[in-house]
Amino acid sequence: MFADDVTIWKVIASDIDSQSLQEDLSSLTRLSSKWLLKLNPSKCNVVHAGHRLGTIYHLNGDTGNNSIIEQITEVKDLGVHLTDHLKSSTQC
């Protein structure tokens, strides 16, 4: 893990959970702006692992614009592949 890397993990079982995650992202954006550590939306991704609610998340910018966080099906973090279907075949 690097000083500028952040990973947020949350179990999403309902729309309320999705709203809670969006609130967490908004809080993270506010906190990072306060400490002058701006987030780069183009480097942010969402992997919906194990559910298909189709929620779209966004980051709130300082100028009031919202950037939609790109949805991907696979991410590699610290050498471990995580896929949306949670199968380990890509890791092997």
N, C-alpha and C. Protein backbone atom coordinates (compact mmCIF):
# COMPACT_ATOMS: atom_id res chain seq x y z
N MET A 1 0.84 -1.18 0.00
CA MET A 1 0.00 0.00 0.00
C MET A 1 0.89 1.24 0.00
N PHE A 2 0.48 2.21 -0.73
CA PHE A 2 1.21 3.47 -0.81
C PHE A 2 0.43 4.55 -0.06
N ALA A 3 1.09 5.62 0.24
CA ALA A 3 0.46 6.69 1.02
C ALA A 3 -0.71 7.32 0.27
N ASP A 4 -0.71 7.23 -1.04
CA ASP A 4 -1.78 7.87 -1.80
C ASP A 4 -2.81 6.87 -2.32
N ASP A 5 -2.81 5.64 -1.82
CA ASP A 5 -3.80 4.64 -2.23
C ASP A 5 -4.87 4.49 -1.17
N VAL A 6 -6.11 4.38 -1.62
CA VAL A 6 -7.23 4.16 -0.72
C VAL A 6 -8.11 3.08 -1.31
N THR A 7 -8.51 2.13 -0.48
CA THR A 7 -9.44 1.10 -0.90
C THR A 7 -10.61 1.11 0.07
N ILE A 8 -11.81 1.21 -0.47
CA ILE A 8 -13.01 1.16 0.36
C ILE A 8 -13.76 -0.10 -0.01
N TRP A 9 -14.13 -0.86 0.98
CA TRP A 9 -14.85 -2.11 0.78
C TRP A 9 -16.11 -2.06 1.62
N LYS A 10 -17.25 -2.38 1.01
CA LYS A 10 -18.51 -2.37 1.76
C LYS A 10 -19.43 -3.43 1.18
N VAL A 11 -20.08 -4.16 2.05
CA VAL A 11 -21.08 -5.13 1.62
C VAL A 11 -22.34 -4.37 1.24
N ILE A 12 -22.81 -4.58 0.01
CA ILE A 12 -24.00 -3.90 -0.49
C ILE A 12 -25.11 -4.93 -0.64
N ALA A 13 -26.11 -4.84 0.22
CA ALA A 13 -27.23 -5.77 0.17
C ALA A 13 -28.53 -5.06 -0.21
N SER A 14 -28.52 -3.74 -0.18
CA SER A 14 -29.74 -2.99 -0.48
C SER A 14 -29.37 -1.59 -0.97
N ASP A 15 -30.38 -0.86 -1.38
CA ASP A 15 -30.15 0.53 -1.82
C ASP A 15 -29.65 1.40 -0.68
N ILE A 16 -30.05 1.09 0.54
CA ILE A 16 -29.59 1.87 1.70
C ILE A 16 -28.08 1.72 1.87
N ASP A 17 -27.57 0.50 1.64
CA ASP A 17 -26.13 0.27 1.70
C ASP A 17 -25.40 1.07 0.62
N SER A 18 -25.99 1.13 -0.56
CA SER A 18 -25.40 1.91 -1.66
C SER A 18 -25.36 3.39 -1.31
N GLN A 19 -26.42 3.90 -0.71
CA GLN A 19 -26.45 5.30 -0.30
C GLN A 19 -25.40 5.57 0.78
N SER A 20 -25.22 4.62 1.67
CA SER A 20 -24.23 4.77 2.73
C SER A 20 -22.81 4.83 2.15
N LEU A 21 -22.55 3.99 1.16
CA LEU A 21 -21.24 4.02 0.50
C LEU A 21 -21.03 5.34 -0.22
N GLN A 22 -22.06 5.87 -0.87
CA GLN A 22 -21.94 7.16 -1.55
C GLN A 22 -21.66 8.26 -0.53
N GLU A 23 -22.28 8.20 0.64
CA GLU A 23 -22.01 9.18 1.69
C GLU A 23 -20.56 9.07 2.17
N ASP A 24 -20.05 7.83 2.27
CA ASP A 24 -18.65 7.64 2.65
C ASP A 24 -17.71 8.24 1.61
N LEU A 25 -18.03 8.05 0.34
CA LEU A 25 -17.21 8.63 -0.73
C LEU A 25 -17.24 10.16 -0.67
N SER A 26 -18.40 10.71 -0.40
CA SER A 26 -18.52 12.17 -0.29
C SER A 26 -17.71 12.70 0.90
N SER A 27 -17.76 11.97 2.01
CA SER A 27 -16.97 12.37 3.19
C SER A 27 -15.48 12.29 2.90
N LEU A 28 -15.07 11.23 2.20
CA LEU A 28 -13.67 11.08 1.83
C LEU A 28 -13.22 12.22 0.92
N THR A 29 -14.07 12.61 -0.01
CA THR A 29 -13.75 13.72 -0.92
C THR A 29 -13.57 15.03 -0.14
N ARG A 30 -14.49 15.29 0.80
CA ARG A 30 -14.39 16.51 1.61
C ARG A 30 -13.13 16.50 2.46
N LEU A 31 -12.83 15.37 3.09
CA LEU A 31 -11.65 15.27 3.94
C LEU A 31 -10.37 15.44 3.13
N SER A 32 -10.32 14.81 1.96
CA SER A 32 -9.10 14.94 1.14
C SER A 32 -8.92 16.37 0.64
N SER A 33 -10.01 17.05 0.33
CA SER A 33 -9.89 18.46 -0.10
C SER A 33 -9.42 19.34 1.05
N LYS A 34 -9.92 19.05 2.25
CA LYS A 34 -9.52 19.82 3.43
C LYS A 34 -8.02 19.71 3.66
N TRP A 35 -7.45 18.54 3.43
CA TRP A 35 -6.03 18.31 3.65
C TRP A 35 -5.21 18.51 2.37
N LEU A 36 -5.84 19.11 1.34
CA LEU A 36 -5.19 19.42 0.07
C LEU A 36 -4.62 18.17 -0.62
N LEU A 37 -5.31 17.05 -0.48
CA LEU A 37 -4.95 15.79 -1.14
C LEU A 37 -6.10 15.41 -2.06
N LYS A 38 -6.17 16.07 -3.17
CA LYS A 38 -7.31 15.89 -4.07
C LYS A 38 -7.29 14.51 -4.73
N LEU A 39 -8.47 13.94 -4.85
CA LEU A 39 -8.62 12.65 -5.50
C LEU A 39 -8.67 12.83 -7.01
N ASN A 40 -8.11 11.88 -7.72
CA ASN A 40 -8.14 11.90 -9.18
C ASN A 40 -9.22 10.93 -9.64
N PRO A 41 -10.38 11.42 -10.08
CA PRO A 41 -11.49 10.52 -10.46
C PRO A 41 -11.13 9.56 -11.59
N SER A 42 -10.18 9.93 -12.45
CA SER A 42 -9.82 9.04 -13.55
C SER A 42 -9.04 7.82 -13.07
N LYS A 43 -8.54 7.85 -11.85
CA LYS A 43 -7.84 6.71 -11.28
C LYS A 43 -8.70 5.92 -10.30
N CYS A 44 -9.97 6.29 -10.18
CA CYS A 44 -10.89 5.61 -9.27
C CYS A 44 -11.72 4.59 -10.03
N ASN A 45 -11.98 3.44 -9.40
CA ASN A 45 -12.76 2.38 -10.03
C ASN A 45 -13.71 1.75 -9.01
N VAL A 46 -14.76 1.14 -9.55
CA VAL A 46 -15.72 0.38 -8.75
C VAL A 46 -15.79 -1.02 -9.32
N VAL A 47 -15.69 -2.02 -8.43
CA VAL A 47 -15.92 -3.40 -8.83
C VAL A 47 -17.11 -3.90 -8.02
N HIS A 48 -18.19 -4.23 -8.70
CA HIS A 48 -19.36 -4.80 -8.03
C HIS A 48 -19.12 -6.30 -7.91
N ALA A 49 -18.61 -6.73 -6.78
CA ALA A 49 -18.27 -8.14 -6.58
C ALA A 49 -19.43 -8.89 -5.95
N GLY A 50 -20.06 -9.73 -6.73
CA GLY A 50 -21.08 -10.61 -6.19
C GLY A 50 -22.50 -10.07 -6.17
N HIS A 51 -22.73 -8.87 -6.65
CA HIS A 51 -24.11 -8.37 -6.73
C HIS A 51 -24.31 -7.59 -8.02
N ARG A 52 -25.54 -7.39 -8.37
CA ARG A 52 -25.86 -6.73 -9.64
C ARG A 52 -26.88 -5.60 -9.46
N LEU A 53 -26.71 -4.78 -8.43
CA LEU A 53 -27.65 -3.67 -8.22
C LEU A 53 -27.47 -2.57 -9.26
N GLY A 54 -26.30 -2.49 -9.87
CA GLY A 54 -26.09 -1.48 -10.92
C GLY A 54 -25.99 -0.06 -10.41
N THR A 55 -25.56 0.11 -9.19
CA THR A 55 -25.44 1.44 -8.60
C THR A 55 -24.28 2.20 -9.25
N ILE A 56 -24.49 3.47 -9.50
CA ILE A 56 -23.46 4.33 -10.05
C ILE A 56 -23.00 5.27 -8.93
N TYR A 57 -21.70 5.31 -8.71
CA TYR A 57 -21.14 6.16 -7.67
C TYR A 57 -20.39 7.31 -8.32
N HIS A 58 -20.25 8.40 -7.57
CA HIS A 58 -19.56 9.57 -8.10
C HIS A 58 -18.77 10.27 -7.00
N LEU A 59 -17.80 11.06 -7.44
CA LEU A 59 -17.02 11.89 -6.54
C LEU A 59 -17.44 13.33 -6.75
N ASN A 60 -17.62 14.05 -5.67
CA ASN A 60 -18.00 15.46 -5.73
C ASN A 60 -16.76 16.31 -5.84
N GLY A 61 -16.69 17.10 -6.89
CA GLY A 61 -15.54 17.98 -7.09
C GLY A 61 -15.68 19.28 -6.34
N ASP A 62 -14.57 20.00 -6.21
CA ASP A 62 -14.58 21.30 -5.53
C ASP A 62 -15.44 22.32 -6.24
N THR A 63 -15.51 22.22 -7.56
CA THR A 63 -16.26 23.20 -8.33
C THR A 63 -17.74 22.83 -8.46
N GLY A 64 -18.16 21.79 -7.72
CA GLY A 64 -19.56 21.41 -7.76
C GLY A 64 -19.89 20.37 -8.81
N ASN A 65 -18.90 20.00 -9.62
CA ASN A 65 -19.18 18.98 -10.65
C ASN A 65 -18.96 17.58 -10.06
N ASN A 66 -19.75 16.64 -10.53
CA ASN A 66 -19.66 15.26 -10.07
C ASN A 66 -19.01 14.42 -11.16
N SER A 67 -18.04 13.61 -10.76
CA SER A 67 -17.39 12.70 -11.69
C SER A 67 -17.87 11.29 -11.40
N ILE A 68 -18.39 10.63 -12.41
CA ILE A 68 -18.84 9.25 -12.24
C ILE A 68 -17.62 8.35 -12.14
N ILE A 69 -17.62 7.45 -11.17
CA ILE A 69 -16.52 6.51 -10.99
C ILE A 69 -16.74 5.35 -11.94
N GLU A 70 -15.72 5.04 -12.72
CA GLU A 70 -15.81 3.99 -13.73
C GLU A 70 -16.00 2.62 -13.09
N GLN A 71 -16.91 1.83 -13.67
CA GLN A 71 -17.12 0.46 -13.22
C GLN A 71 -16.24 -0.48 -14.05
N ILE A 72 -15.51 -1.34 -13.37
CA ILE A 72 -14.67 -2.32 -14.05
C ILE A 72 -15.02 -3.71 -13.53
N THR A 73 -14.57 -4.75 -14.25
CA THR A 73 -14.89 -6.12 -13.85
C THR A 73 -13.73 -6.80 -13.13
N GLU A 74 -12.54 -6.21 -13.18
CA GLU A 74 -11.38 -6.81 -12.53
C GLU A 74 -10.41 -5.73 -12.10
N VAL A 75 -9.81 -5.92 -10.92
CA VAL A 75 -8.81 -4.99 -10.42
C VAL A 75 -7.68 -5.81 -9.80
N LYS A 76 -6.46 -5.31 -9.94
CA LYS A 76 -5.31 -5.95 -9.31
C LYS A 76 -4.82 -5.02 -8.21
N ASP A 77 -4.81 -5.52 -6.98
CA ASP A 77 -4.39 -4.72 -5.84
C ASP A 77 -3.38 -5.52 -5.03
N LEU A 78 -2.18 -4.99 -4.91
CA LEU A 78 -1.08 -5.67 -4.22
C LEU A 78 -0.83 -7.06 -4.76
N GLY A 79 -0.96 -7.23 -6.07
CA GLY A 79 -0.68 -8.49 -6.72
C GLY A 79 -1.82 -9.49 -6.72
N VAL A 80 -2.95 -9.13 -6.12
CA VAL A 80 -4.10 -10.02 -6.05
C VAL A 80 -5.17 -9.52 -7.02
N HIS A 81 -5.67 -10.42 -7.86
CA HIS A 81 -6.73 -10.08 -8.80
C HIS A 81 -8.08 -10.28 -8.13
N LEU A 82 -8.93 -9.27 -8.18
CA LEU A 82 -10.30 -9.37 -7.69
C LEU A 82 -11.22 -9.14 -8.87
N THR A 83 -12.11 -10.09 -9.12
CA THR A 83 -13.04 -9.98 -10.23
C THR A 83 -14.46 -9.84 -9.72
N ASP A 84 -15.34 -9.39 -10.59
CA ASP A 84 -16.73 -9.21 -10.19
C ASP A 84 -17.44 -10.53 -9.96
N HIS A 85 -16.95 -11.62 -10.52
CA HIS A 85 -17.59 -12.92 -10.31
C HIS A 85 -16.91 -13.71 -9.19
N LEU A 86 -15.88 -13.17 -8.57
CA LEU A 86 -15.19 -13.73 -7.42
C LEU A 86 -14.56 -15.10 -7.66
N LYS A 87 -14.22 -15.40 -8.90
CA LYS A 87 -13.54 -16.66 -9.22
C LYS A 87 -12.04 -16.42 -9.20
N SER A 88 -11.31 -17.41 -8.80
CA SER A 88 -9.85 -17.25 -8.67
C SER A 88 -9.09 -17.63 -9.93
N SER A 89 -9.76 -17.92 -11.04
CA SER A 89 -9.09 -18.37 -12.25
C SER A 89 -8.10 -17.35 -12.80
N THR A 90 -8.34 -16.07 -12.66
CA THR A 90 -7.40 -15.07 -13.16
C THR A 90 -6.15 -14.99 -12.28
N GLN A 91 -6.26 -15.39 -11.03
CA GLN A 91 -5.12 -15.35 -10.12
C GLN A 91 -4.14 -16.47 -10.42
N CYS A 92 -4.62 -17.60 -10.86
CA CYS A 92 -3.77 -18.79 -11.06
C CYS A 92 -2.92 -18.68 -12.26
